[in-house]
Every structure is written in structure tokens, then in C-alpha cells.
Amino acid sequence: MTFIARDVTDAATAASQCAILPLFQDTKLAGAALKLDKASSGSIKAALALGDFSAKSGESLMLPGTNAAKRILLIGCGDAKTFDREAARKFSRTLYHALLNKQASEAMLHLAGLGLKENEAKWMLTYLARHLTAASYRYTETVSKPRAAMKLTRLVINTKGAIQSRLAASALREGNAIGLGINEAANLANLPGNICTPSYLARHARKLARSSAKLSVSVVEEKQMRALGMGALLSVSAGSEQSAKLIVMNYKGGKTADKPQVLVGKGVTFDSGGISLKPGAKMDEMKFDMGGAASVFGTMRAIAELALPLNVVGIVAAAENMPDGKATKPGDIVTSMSGKTIEVLNTDAEGRLVLCDALTYVARFKPAAVIDIATLTGACVVALGSHATGLFANEDVLAEQLLAAGTDSHDRAWRMPLWDDYQAQIKSNFADLANIGGPGGGSITAACFLSHFARDYNWAHLDIAGSGWNSAPKGATGRPVALLTRYLLDRAGQ
């Protein structure tokens, strides 16, 4: 979708297929709304007088238009005094649904009617562009008749009296890029495991790199992994015919000497549980177990779209977890790249095994900070449901930066404890660490396990087992691309 910011002097003569007017309850028509009401022979006042439209938050009404504006769409915004960011998000959702089944391919939103301060107008336009872009995503890869998408392909924002058009254009560009990143992540995670294999992800990374001169890709193959001592990652792919891949995406948008931000994604393209086989019910959803990797791809896509002046390394630890005669067994002991030995008590706790070697590997980049993202534990779903991502960190400033980015983007996280008290649960009689810590605090003990491999730098772990996909309706959410991109925009001073 194309977004354009433009100052329009006279709303009544501005040509569009649909003029969008935000209206508050119990307020007189003014500005663009008053001009369009006069141009449409009083149709807006008539709709209000008849009670066909009350301007309640979430309400919409499509009216016949004028010679210039072929349709007039009224969007209710409720009480002007209580119009906040939640109301702005609701406005965006209402706008999308009101246009979803309409034939208008172009529309103009008259923003001044909301009476927002410049800061809030900028935030709203970022969210609006992101929401419309992400909501327009349709899965098409393996269906002959995809669900119908919104016809709207071009939205013009009339910035007159609301915000400088330059700032509006920047906000729209940012929101659109984040939306494209969300769609990138959702589409990869929605692909079935027989298509989206570790090799597929490696090819996709190279394809992504071709779209940006600042992005380069290298892939560590299993032979190199053995030479590096990545016994933990290799133990996960041991039972699969699909070779593991460590995919390294290096975005160089900052100065050469600037330390990079590093994102590490769990990329288990299908998780059967291995020898510790999962129950059959909903096992198909284990194609989403590479949601962390998908979010790394989506974030790299977003920052490349924005040409962000920052150095970012995206790492994807990709493997398929399957049972066969060569598969790792419960009780086996493997040696990680760090040299620590791990007793694999449960082969379904495989995400931390692919991540621990990746976390050791990334130290070579001398990172400013490392953030890993993983659909790691069912325990996190129990603790937080689907609304919040679980956040663990070994450094308070990094944790606060991520929490702030999540709040601003409404892709929220909640900080969980990473206390030493929990470390006793992952002790082993036969190795340095056990890969599970018992039934209590499962998401915490998983994070404690990962913390052993991230002691040389500032590190955060995002558990998206609850937020990464929905079961009804089934599909990936593209989270936490918005959080990560906002975090990186903040680090770049944007």
C-alpha cells in the first residue's frame, strides 16, 4: 500500500474515491467535515440528526459523496477528551474494517479533525500505516483462492492544520516498513514445514540481501558447526534429513567502528519433540516454532526498508527436530560450543539447545547488546497468555529499553525474574547443565539455562510462545517485529 502526506487547502474540492472524516461525539462540524457537509447538501448533519451515526468510538458510516469525493466515510472517535492511543488504535481498526469490502482503491484521510498534538499525530500515523499494511496481509503460498483483501492501495493523509507533511511522511514510511516486516515474519511462520526448511530459510536470507546493498548473508553449514564445536545445535538436527543452518545476516548501516545490535532467532522449522514426542493434537502448529527466526527476518526487512543508520546482525539458528535412529535420546550428553556439557533430559526442550550455541557464536561480533527471540516454553503461555511477550534480561537498562519499545509500539512485553535461586533446578549429576528444570517456573529455568551462554555481553531473551501465533483463527502474528524495530529505531536516534 502507498501512503502519501499532503497539505490540502480545500477538502470540498479535493478529488478522492473516499473522503475519511474522524468525528467526535457532541461536537459541531468544523474544518473539512463542515466543507464536505456543505458540498454534499448537508448529508453529514442529516445522518447525525437522524441518529444513523452518533460518532461513538468504533462506529462508521459510509455516505454518498460529492463531485470531488465520491464517498464520505465517517469514523466515530467517541469523547474528544478521552481520545488516547487506545482510541487511536481503535480508529485504525475501524477504518480498515469500514473499507475492507468497499471498492475504493484510493482514499483521503482529513487528519485535522482529530485535533492531535504533533507528537501524537506522528505516533498515530505510524500505527495507522503499520496496521493497514499488516491487516492487508493474506497467505497465498499454498491456497488456490486466498481470502479477499482490501481494495485500497493508496491512502493520502491531508496534513493541513494537523502536522507538518514532512513529519507525516516520515511516520507513514516508518509504519509501512514495520507492517511489511510483520508480514514478512507472519508469512514465513505460516509456511508448512515441508516447504519452510532450514535450507529454505537460508535461500530466503540471500533473497532478502539482494534487496539491500547494506545487507550481506553467510551461512554456517553442519561441517563448519562440527569444527566450531556446536554439539548442542547439531544434537537437535541429528534425527532429521534436513541439515541445520546457522544463518548470519549482517546489516551495515552505521559507522564501521559502531558495535552492532544482535538479534538471535530460534528457527526450529518443525518441532515433533524428537524422541520425547509431542502429543498429536495441535502438533501441526509446531511449524510456528521458528517464529523467533521469522521475527528476525521481519525486523531485518523493516530496517532495510528504512535504511536505518545502525549496524545490526541477525542470526537464525535453523534446524528440524525429528525422531529417528540417529536422533538424540533423553539422557544423552552433548558438548556446546562454549565447552559446557549438557544433559538432554527432554528432547522437546530443543530451542535452548539451538540458541545456546548461537549465543556463544555471536560474541565474535563484539555486540552492543544481544536479544534472542524464541517460541521457547509452554510455561510462558501459562504465565502470560497471548497478550504479553516474556522478557528476561541480565542488564536493567536493556530491559527497560525493550519494555519502553513494547509499550510505544503496543507490542508489549512483561519482565520476568532471572534470579540465581532458579539455577539449582538445572543442575545435573552427569553434566554441567540439564536442559530442563522441572515443572516449576519452566520459562524462568529455560532463560536461566540460556544465561550461562550470554555472560560476556548485555543480553535479553524474549519468549514469544504465547504471542507468536494464534490457534483460533490459526496463524502467525508477526510479533515481536514491531517491538524490535521500535527498539532499533530508538538506538538509531529516530
Protein backbone atom coordinates (compact mmCIF):
# COMPACT_ATOMS: atom_id res chain seq x y z
CA MET A 1 0.00 0.00 0.00
CA THR A 2 1.17 3.53 -0.81
CA PHE A 3 0.90 6.29 1.79
CA ILE A 4 1.17 9.98 0.87
CA ALA A 5 1.20 13.07 3.10
CA ARG A 6 -0.13 16.24 1.53
CA ASP A 7 -1.49 19.64 2.55
CA VAL A 8 -4.96 20.08 1.08
CA THR A 9 -6.34 23.62 1.16
CA ASP A 10 -9.97 22.86 0.35
CA ALA A 11 -11.38 19.45 1.38
CA ALA A 12 -14.54 20.06 -0.66
CA THR A 13 -12.66 20.24 -3.96
CA ALA A 14 -10.00 17.58 -3.22
CA ALA A 15 -10.55 14.64 -5.56
CA SER A 16 -10.70 11.19 -3.96
CA GLN A 17 -12.68 7.97 -4.16
CA CYS A 18 -13.38 8.26 -0.45
CA ALA A 19 -13.02 11.15 1.99
CA ILE A 20 -12.46 9.88 5.53
CA LEU A 21 -13.68 12.09 8.36
CA PRO A 22 -12.97 11.38 12.03
CA LEU A 23 -15.78 12.81 14.18
CA PHE A 24 -16.18 13.20 17.93
CA GLN A 25 -19.44 12.97 19.85
CA ASP A 26 -21.30 16.14 20.79
CA THR A 27 -19.12 18.49 18.76
CA LYS A 28 -20.04 20.88 15.96
CA LEU A 29 -18.84 20.18 12.45
CA ALA A 30 -15.77 22.20 11.55
CA GLY A 31 -12.95 22.26 9.03
CA ALA A 32 -13.02 19.52 6.40
CA ALA A 33 -16.20 17.98 7.85
CA LEU A 34 -18.13 21.25 7.55
CA LYS A 35 -16.90 21.86 4.00
CA LEU A 36 -17.79 18.33 2.89
CA ASP A 37 -21.18 18.58 4.59
CA LYS A 38 -21.99 21.71 2.57
CA ALA A 39 -20.67 20.11 -0.63
CA SER A 40 -22.88 17.05 -0.03
CA SER A 41 -26.05 19.10 0.63
CA GLY A 42 -25.95 18.54 4.38
CA SER A 43 -25.69 14.73 4.33
CA ILE A 44 -23.39 14.59 7.39
CA LYS A 45 -25.61 16.78 9.56
CA ALA A 46 -28.63 14.79 8.38
CA ALA A 47 -27.03 11.46 9.40
CA LEU A 48 -26.29 12.89 12.84
CA ALA A 49 -29.78 14.36 13.23
CA LEU A 50 -31.46 11.11 12.19
CA GLY A 51 -29.35 9.10 14.63
CA ASP A 52 -27.85 6.99 11.84
CA PHE A 53 -24.44 7.99 13.17
CA SER A 54 -23.61 9.06 16.72
CA ALA A 55 -19.79 9.25 16.47
CA LYS A 56 -19.30 6.63 19.18
CA SER A 57 -15.83 5.11 19.21
CA GLY A 58 -15.66 2.26 16.70
CA GLU A 59 -18.72 3.36 14.73
CA SER A 60 -18.58 4.01 10.99
CA LEU A 61 -20.98 5.14 8.28
CA MET A 62 -20.46 5.39 4.51
CA LEU A 63 -22.36 8.21 2.80
CA PRO A 64 -22.72 9.18 -0.86
CA GLY A 65 -20.10 11.71 -1.78
CA THR A 66 -19.70 14.88 -3.81
CA ASN A 67 -18.43 15.66 -7.27
CA ALA A 68 -14.87 15.60 -5.93
CA ALA A 69 -15.10 12.98 -3.15
CA LYS A 70 -17.09 10.02 -4.46
CA ARG A 71 -17.77 8.66 -0.97
CA ILE A 72 -17.69 10.11 2.54
CA LEU A 73 -16.70 7.75 5.35
CA LEU A 74 -17.49 8.88 8.88
CA ILE A 75 -15.44 7.29 11.66
CA GLY A 76 -16.64 7.71 15.23
CA CYS A 77 -13.98 8.70 17.75
CA GLY A 78 -16.05 8.97 20.93
CA ASP A 79 -15.31 11.68 23.50
CA ALA A 80 -12.64 14.14 22.37
CA LYS A 81 -11.38 14.50 25.95
CA THR A 82 -10.61 10.77 26.26
CA PHE A 83 -9.15 10.17 22.80
CA ASP A 84 -5.89 8.39 23.64
CA ARG A 85 -3.62 5.86 21.96
CA GLU A 86 -6.03 3.01 22.55
CA ALA A 87 -8.75 5.08 20.86
CA ALA A 88 -6.32 5.83 18.01
CA ARG A 89 -5.70 2.10 17.57
CA LYS A 90 -9.44 1.50 17.55
CA PHE A 91 -9.80 4.22 14.91
CA SER A 92 -7.28 2.38 12.72
CA ARG A 93 -9.12 -0.93 13.12
CA THR A 94 -12.48 0.71 12.38
CA LEU A 95 -11.11 2.39 9.27
CA TYR A 96 -9.74 -0.91 7.96
CA HIS A 97 -12.99 -2.82 8.51
CA ALA A 98 -15.10 0.00 7.04
CA LEU A 99 -13.12 -0.13 3.77
CA LEU A 100 -12.49 -3.88 3.64
CA ASN A 101 -15.44 -4.75 1.41
CA LYS A 102 -15.64 -1.45 -0.47
CA GLN A 103 -14.39 -0.89 -3.99
CA ALA A 104 -12.43 2.29 -3.30
CA SER A 105 -8.79 1.85 -4.26
CA GLU A 106 -7.79 5.33 -3.07
CA ALA A 107 -8.89 7.44 -0.12
CA MET A 108 -8.05 10.68 1.69
CA LEU A 109 -7.99 10.99 5.47
CA HIS A 110 -8.58 14.51 6.83
CA LEU A 111 -6.43 14.30 9.95
CA ALA A 112 -7.01 17.75 11.45
CA GLY A 113 -10.44 16.69 12.71
CA LEU A 114 -8.75 14.71 15.47
CA GLY A 115 -7.11 17.79 16.95
CA LEU A 116 -3.95 15.91 17.92
CA LYS A 117 -0.69 17.45 19.04
CA GLU A 118 2.12 16.92 16.54
CA ASN A 119 3.80 14.18 18.59
CA GLU A 120 0.60 12.17 18.90
CA ALA A 121 -0.30 12.75 15.26
CA LYS A 122 3.07 11.32 14.26
CA TRP A 123 2.55 8.29 16.51
CA MET A 124 -0.95 7.71 15.14
CA LEU A 125 0.16 7.87 11.51
CA THR A 126 2.94 5.38 12.22
CA TYR A 127 0.45 3.00 13.80
CA LEU A 128 -2.18 3.56 11.08
CA ALA A 129 0.25 2.76 8.25
CA ARG A 130 1.56 -0.27 10.12
CA HIS A 131 -1.94 -1.57 10.88
CA LEU A 132 -3.32 -1.11 7.36
CA THR A 133 -0.24 -2.78 5.86
CA ALA A 134 -0.28 -5.72 8.27
CA ALA A 135 -4.07 -6.18 8.19
CA SER A 136 -3.93 -6.36 4.38
CA TYR A 137 -1.63 -9.42 4.51
CA ARG A 138 -3.10 -12.59 3.02
CA TYR A 139 -1.49 -16.02 2.99
CA THR A 140 -1.26 -17.09 -0.66
CA GLU A 141 1.54 -19.65 -0.90
CA THR A 142 -0.44 -22.89 -0.87
CA VAL A 143 -4.08 -21.83 -1.43
CA SER A 144 -5.78 -21.53 -4.81
CA LYS A 145 -8.27 -18.88 -3.64
CA PRO A 146 -6.85 -16.56 -0.97
CA ARG A 147 -9.22 -14.57 1.22
CA ALA A 148 -10.33 -11.30 -0.36
CA ALA A 149 -8.13 -8.36 0.53
CA MET A 150 -8.97 -4.69 0.89
CA LYS A 151 -9.10 -2.91 -2.46
CA LEU A 152 -7.49 0.22 -1.02
CA THR A 153 -3.94 0.60 -2.35
CA ARG A 154 -3.34 4.33 -1.81
CA LEU A 155 -4.08 6.46 1.23
CA VAL A 156 -3.50 10.22 1.16
CA ILE A 157 -3.25 12.00 4.51
CA ASN A 158 -4.44 15.60 4.45
CA THR A 159 -1.97 17.07 6.94
CA LYS A 160 -3.29 20.65 6.72
CA GLY A 161 -3.73 22.01 10.24
CA ALA A 162 -2.57 18.75 11.85
CA ILE A 163 1.14 18.04 11.31
CA GLN A 164 3.99 19.06 9.03
CA SER A 165 3.76 16.97 5.88
CA ARG A 166 7.47 16.12 6.20
CA LEU A 167 6.93 14.57 9.65
CA ALA A 168 3.78 12.83 8.46
CA ALA A 169 5.61 11.29 5.50
CA SER A 170 8.35 10.02 7.83
CA ALA A 171 5.78 8.47 10.18
CA LEU A 172 3.91 6.80 7.34
CA ARG A 173 7.14 5.42 5.89
CA GLU A 174 8.13 4.03 9.29
CA GLY A 175 4.74 2.42 9.89
CA ASN A 176 4.62 0.91 6.42
CA ALA A 177 8.11 -0.58 6.85
CA ILE A 178 7.15 -2.13 10.20
CA GLY A 179 3.97 -3.52 8.63
CA LEU A 180 5.99 -5.08 5.82
CA GLY A 181 8.32 -6.60 8.42
CA ILE A 182 5.36 -8.03 10.34
CA ASN A 183 4.02 -9.54 7.13
CA GLU A 184 7.44 -10.99 6.30
CA ALA A 185 7.58 -12.71 9.68
CA ALA A 186 3.97 -13.91 9.56
CA ASN A 187 4.32 -15.35 6.08
CA LEU A 188 7.48 -17.30 6.90
CA ALA A 189 5.93 -18.73 10.06
CA ASN A 190 2.70 -19.64 8.26
CA LEU A 191 4.53 -21.75 5.68
CA PRO A 192 4.30 -25.52 6.25
CA GLY A 193 7.33 -27.43 7.49
CA ASN A 194 7.74 -29.33 4.21
CA ILE A 195 8.36 -26.01 2.43
CA CYS A 196 9.96 -23.84 5.10
CA THR A 197 13.01 -25.95 5.93
CA PRO A 198 16.38 -24.68 7.23
CA SER A 199 17.62 -24.63 3.63
CA TYR A 200 14.58 -22.60 2.57
CA LEU A 201 15.35 -20.03 5.26
CA ALA A 202 18.95 -19.80 4.06
CA ARG A 203 17.77 -19.17 0.50
CA HIS A 204 15.26 -16.61 1.74
CA ALA A 205 18.00 -14.74 3.62
CA ARG A 206 20.05 -14.48 0.43
CA LYS A 207 16.97 -13.22 -1.42
CA LEU A 208 16.42 -10.59 1.26
CA ALA A 209 20.06 -9.49 0.99
CA ARG A 210 19.63 -8.82 -2.71
CA SER A 211 17.10 -6.09 -1.86
CA SER A 212 19.61 -4.01 0.14
CA ALA A 213 23.22 -3.10 -0.61
CA LYS A 214 23.80 -2.76 3.16
CA LEU A 215 22.80 -6.35 3.91
CA SER A 216 25.04 -9.38 3.41
CA VAL A 217 24.44 -13.05 4.27
CA SER A 218 26.61 -16.01 5.15
CA VAL A 219 25.55 -19.50 6.18
CA VAL A 220 27.38 -21.79 8.59
CA GLU A 221 26.83 -25.40 7.44
CA GLU A 222 26.91 -28.53 9.61
CA LYS A 223 30.52 -29.33 8.68
CA GLN A 224 31.60 -25.93 9.96
CA MET A 225 29.39 -26.34 13.04
CA ARG A 226 31.24 -29.52 13.93
CA ALA A 227 34.54 -27.73 13.55
CA LEU A 228 33.26 -24.95 15.83
CA GLY A 229 32.06 -27.48 18.41
CA MET A 230 28.35 -26.70 18.12
CA GLY A 231 27.28 -30.01 19.61
CA ALA A 232 24.11 -28.60 21.16
CA LEU A 233 22.66 -27.25 17.91
CA LEU A 234 23.70 -30.36 15.99
CA SER A 235 22.02 -32.60 18.56
CA VAL A 236 18.65 -31.14 17.52
CA SER A 237 19.03 -31.84 13.80
CA ALA A 238 20.58 -35.30 14.36
CA GLY A 239 17.30 -37.14 13.69
CA SER A 240 16.30 -35.14 10.63
CA GLU A 241 17.13 -35.47 6.95
CA GLN A 242 17.22 -31.66 6.87
CA SER A 243 20.63 -30.19 7.61
CA ALA A 244 20.85 -27.47 10.25
CA LYS A 245 21.89 -23.97 9.18
CA LEU A 246 23.25 -21.03 11.13
CA ILE A 247 22.20 -18.06 9.02
CA VAL A 248 24.06 -14.78 9.55
CA MET A 249 22.53 -11.58 8.17
CA ASN A 250 24.85 -8.58 8.58
CA TYR A 251 23.30 -5.15 8.07
CA LYS A 252 25.88 -2.35 7.96
CA GLY A 253 24.03 0.93 8.16
CA GLY A 254 26.16 2.60 10.84
CA LYS A 255 29.81 3.53 11.15
CA THR A 256 32.37 0.74 10.79
CA ALA A 257 33.51 1.09 14.40
CA ASP A 258 29.97 1.04 15.85
CA LYS A 259 29.14 -2.07 17.83
CA PRO A 260 26.18 -3.94 16.34
CA GLN A 261 22.87 -4.78 17.88
CA VAL A 262 22.47 -8.56 17.52
CA LEU A 263 19.18 -10.43 17.12
CA VAL A 264 19.18 -14.22 17.51
CA GLY A 265 16.13 -16.21 16.41
CA LYS A 266 15.15 -19.77 17.25
CA GLY A 267 14.49 -21.38 13.87
CA VAL A 268 13.11 -24.86 14.56
CA THR A 269 11.18 -25.22 11.33
CA PHE A 270 9.21 -28.16 12.69
CA ASP A 271 9.28 -29.48 16.22
CA SER A 272 7.97 -33.02 16.64
CA GLY A 273 9.55 -33.12 20.10
CA GLY A 274 12.10 -35.64 18.83
CA ILE A 275 12.27 -38.86 20.87
CA SER A 276 10.26 -37.03 23.58
CA LEU A 277 7.44 -36.98 21.03
CA LYS A 278 4.73 -34.35 21.40
CA PRO A 279 1.04 -35.31 21.60
CA GLY A 280 -0.65 -35.43 18.20
CA ALA A 281 -3.23 -32.74 18.96
CA LYS A 282 -2.10 -29.40 17.55
CA MET A 283 1.29 -30.81 16.55
CA ASP A 284 0.71 -29.16 13.17
CA GLU A 285 1.18 -25.82 14.93
CA MET A 286 4.79 -26.72 15.55
CA LYS A 287 5.58 -25.24 12.13
CA PHE A 288 5.32 -21.97 14.11
CA ASP A 289 8.30 -23.00 16.24
CA MET A 290 10.51 -20.88 14.02
CA GLY A 291 8.55 -17.74 14.94
CA GLY A 292 11.61 -16.24 16.63
CA ALA A 293 13.63 -16.70 13.45
CA ALA A 294 10.74 -15.29 11.42
CA SER A 295 10.75 -12.16 13.59
CA VAL A 296 14.46 -11.69 12.93
CA PHE A 297 13.78 -11.85 9.18
CA GLY A 298 10.89 -9.42 9.56
CA THR A 299 12.94 -6.95 11.58
CA MET A 300 15.84 -7.11 9.12
CA ARG A 301 13.33 -6.42 6.33
CA ALA A 302 11.96 -3.40 8.22
CA ILE A 303 15.34 -1.82 8.96
CA ALA A 304 16.48 -2.40 5.38
CA GLU A 305 13.30 -0.68 4.12
CA LEU A 306 14.07 2.26 6.43
CA ALA A 307 17.81 2.30 5.61
CA LEU A 308 18.40 2.59 9.34
CA PRO A 309 21.78 4.17 10.26
CA LEU A 310 22.74 1.33 12.58
CA ASN A 311 24.75 -1.89 12.48
CA VAL A 312 22.56 -4.94 13.11
CA VAL A 313 23.42 -8.63 12.92
CA GLY A 314 20.54 -11.08 12.55
CA ILE A 315 21.32 -14.70 13.43
CA VAL A 316 18.95 -17.58 12.71
CA ALA A 317 19.70 -20.97 14.29
CA ALA A 318 17.67 -23.23 11.98
CA ALA A 319 17.04 -26.94 12.50
CA GLU A 320 14.28 -29.53 12.29
CA ASN A 321 13.59 -31.69 15.36
CA MET A 322 12.62 -35.21 14.29
CA PRO A 323 12.84 -38.73 15.78
CA ASP A 324 14.79 -41.49 14.06
CA GLY A 325 17.63 -43.91 14.81
CA LYS A 326 20.21 -41.12 14.82
CA ALA A 327 18.16 -38.74 16.99
CA THR A 328 19.38 -37.51 20.34
CA LYS A 329 17.92 -39.56 23.21
CA PRO A 330 16.83 -38.45 26.69
CA GLY A 331 19.86 -38.86 28.92
CA ASP A 332 22.38 -38.16 26.15
CA ILE A 333 25.08 -35.63 26.95
CA VAL A 334 26.24 -33.12 24.35
CA THR A 335 29.02 -30.54 24.38
CA SER A 336 28.12 -26.98 23.42
CA MET A 337 30.33 -24.53 21.53
CA SER A 338 31.16 -22.86 24.85
CA GLY A 339 32.60 -26.14 26.13
CA LYS A 340 29.80 -26.63 28.66
CA THR A 341 28.27 -30.09 28.67
CA ILE A 342 24.50 -30.51 28.66
CA GLU A 343 22.42 -33.47 29.79
CA VAL A 344 19.45 -33.66 27.44
CA LEU A 345 16.70 -34.81 29.79
CA ASN A 346 13.97 -33.98 27.29
CA THR A 347 14.49 -33.68 23.53
CA ASP A 348 11.42 -31.43 23.32
CA ALA A 349 13.38 -28.74 25.17
CA GLU A 350 15.37 -28.24 21.99
CA GLY A 351 15.03 -24.50 21.45
CA ARG A 352 17.52 -23.68 24.17
CA LEU A 353 19.97 -26.13 22.57
CA VAL A 354 19.96 -24.38 19.20
CA LEU A 355 20.09 -20.97 20.89
CA CYS A 356 22.94 -21.66 23.31
CA ASP A 357 25.43 -22.32 20.52
CA ALA A 358 24.18 -19.28 18.60
CA LEU A 359 24.61 -17.14 21.72
CA THR A 360 28.21 -18.32 22.03
CA TYR A 361 28.83 -17.69 18.33
CA VAL A 362 27.64 -14.05 18.43
CA ALA A 363 30.35 -12.96 20.90
CA ARG A 364 32.69 -12.61 17.88
CA PHE A 365 30.72 -9.55 16.75
CA LYS A 366 31.53 -7.66 20.00
CA PRO A 367 27.86 -6.69 20.28
CA ALA A 368 26.38 -3.61 21.93
CA ALA A 369 23.54 -5.91 23.02
CA VAL A 370 22.13 -9.31 22.11
CA ILE A 371 18.42 -10.13 22.03
CA ASP A 372 17.24 -13.67 21.38
CA ILE A 373 13.67 -14.37 20.33
CA ALA A 374 12.09 -17.80 20.68
CA THR A 375 8.83 -19.69 20.93
CA LEU A 376 10.55 -21.34 23.86
CA THR A 377 8.21 -22.59 26.59
CA GLY A 378 4.61 -23.56 27.12
CA ALA A 379 5.15 -22.30 30.65
CA CYS A 380 5.32 -18.75 29.31
CA VAL A 381 1.87 -19.22 27.76
CA VAL A 382 0.55 -20.34 31.14
CA ALA A 383 2.14 -17.33 32.85
CA LEU A 384 1.27 -14.55 30.39
CA GLY A 385 -1.23 -15.89 27.86
CA SER A 386 -1.06 -14.43 24.38
CA HIS A 387 -1.01 -10.71 25.17
CA ALA A 388 2.50 -10.20 26.52
CA THR A 389 5.89 -11.50 25.47
CA GLY A 390 8.03 -12.80 28.34
CA LEU A 391 11.15 -10.67 28.80
CA PHE A 392 14.26 -11.79 30.66
CA ALA A 393 17.48 -9.78 30.81
CA ASN A 394 20.85 -9.73 32.53
CA GLU A 395 21.02 -5.92 32.39
CA ASP A 396 18.38 -3.47 33.64
CA VAL A 397 18.88 -0.68 31.10
CA LEU A 398 18.41 -3.08 28.18
CA ALA A 399 15.29 -4.49 29.81
CA GLU A 400 13.82 -1.01 30.28
CA GLN A 401 14.62 -0.08 26.67
CA LEU A 402 12.78 -3.15 25.38
CA LEU A 403 9.82 -2.60 27.71
CA ALA A 404 9.57 1.02 26.54
CA ALA A 405 9.74 -0.03 22.88
CA GLY A 406 7.00 -2.58 23.50
CA THR A 407 4.76 -0.03 25.20
CA ASP A 408 5.27 2.57 22.47
CA SER A 409 4.60 0.09 19.67
CA HIS A 410 1.81 -1.72 21.58
CA ASP A 411 3.75 -4.95 21.08
CA ARG A 412 4.17 -5.34 24.79
CA ALA A 413 6.49 -7.43 26.94
CA TRP A 414 6.49 -8.19 30.66
CA ARG A 415 9.71 -8.63 32.59
CA MET A 416 10.15 -11.96 34.34
CA PRO A 417 12.72 -12.81 37.07
CA LEU A 418 16.13 -14.21 36.27
CA TRP A 419 17.19 -14.91 39.84
CA ASP A 420 20.03 -17.21 40.82
CA ASP A 421 17.56 -19.05 43.08
CA TYR A 422 16.26 -20.87 39.98
CA GLN A 423 19.69 -22.04 38.79
CA ALA A 424 19.63 -25.05 41.14
CA GLN A 425 16.80 -26.53 39.06
CA ILE A 426 19.03 -27.02 36.01
CA LYS A 427 21.89 -28.75 37.81
CA SER A 428 22.86 -32.21 36.57
CA ASN A 429 24.70 -35.08 38.22
CA PHE A 430 26.31 -36.02 34.91
CA ALA A 431 26.92 -32.73 33.03
CA ASP A 432 27.46 -29.03 33.62
CA LEU A 433 23.80 -28.29 32.95
CA ALA A 434 20.50 -30.08 32.41
CA ASN A 435 18.29 -28.82 29.58
CA ILE A 436 15.12 -28.77 31.71
CA GLY A 437 14.48 -27.71 35.26
CA GLY A 438 11.30 -29.48 36.33
CA PRO A 439 7.68 -28.32 36.28
CA GLY A 440 8.02 -25.15 38.37
CA GLY A 441 8.94 -21.87 36.64
CA GLY A 442 9.62 -23.50 33.29
CA SER A 443 10.03 -20.28 31.31
CA ILE A 444 12.39 -18.94 34.01
CA THR A 445 14.62 -22.01 34.18
CA ALA A 446 14.83 -22.00 30.37
CA ALA A 447 16.04 -18.40 30.49
CA CYS A 448 18.45 -19.31 33.30
CA PHE A 449 19.87 -22.03 31.04
CA LEU A 450 20.44 -19.51 28.23
CA SER A 451 22.02 -17.01 30.61
CA HIS A 452 25.04 -19.32 31.02
CA PHE A 453 25.93 -18.66 27.37
CA ALA A 454 25.39 -14.87 27.42
CA ARG A 455 27.65 -13.70 30.22
CA ASP A 456 30.06 -11.73 28.06
CA TYR A 457 27.60 -9.07 26.89
CA ASN A 458 24.29 -7.35 27.65
CA TRP A 459 21.58 -9.85 26.78
CA ALA A 460 17.80 -10.17 26.73
CA HIS A 461 15.58 -13.14 25.96
CA LEU A 462 12.07 -12.76 24.53
CA ASP A 463 9.82 -15.80 24.96
CA ILE A 464 7.07 -15.49 22.33
CA ALA A 465 5.47 -18.90 22.81
CA GLY A 466 2.18 -17.16 23.63
CA SER A 467 2.42 -14.06 21.43
CA GLY A 468 3.95 -15.58 18.28
CA TRP A 469 0.85 -17.24 16.85
CA ASN A 470 -2.86 -17.77 17.37
CA SER A 471 -4.67 -21.10 17.37
CA ALA A 472 -8.10 -19.66 16.53
CA PRO A 473 -8.06 -18.36 13.90
CA LYS A 474 -4.85 -20.21 13.19
CA GLY A 475 -1.95 -18.07 12.02
CA ALA A 476 1.26 -16.28 12.92
CA THR A 477 1.09 -12.80 14.44
CA GLY A 478 4.40 -11.40 13.20
CA ARG A 479 5.33 -10.43 16.75
CA PRO A 480 7.61 -9.03 18.10
CA VAL A 481 8.76 -7.27 14.90
CA ALA A 482 7.12 -4.00 15.95
CA LEU A 483 8.82 -4.09 19.37
CA LEU A 484 12.24 -4.93 17.91
CA THR A 485 12.04 -2.34 15.15
CA ARG A 486 10.97 0.36 17.62
CA TYR A 487 13.89 -0.63 19.87
CA LEU A 488 16.32 -0.32 16.95
CA LEU A 489 14.80 2.98 15.80
CA ASP A 490 15.38 4.29 19.33
CA ARG A 491 19.00 3.12 19.29
CA ALA A 492 19.46 4.93 15.96
CA GLY A 493 18.06 8.11 17.48
CA GLN A 494 14.90 8.03 15.37
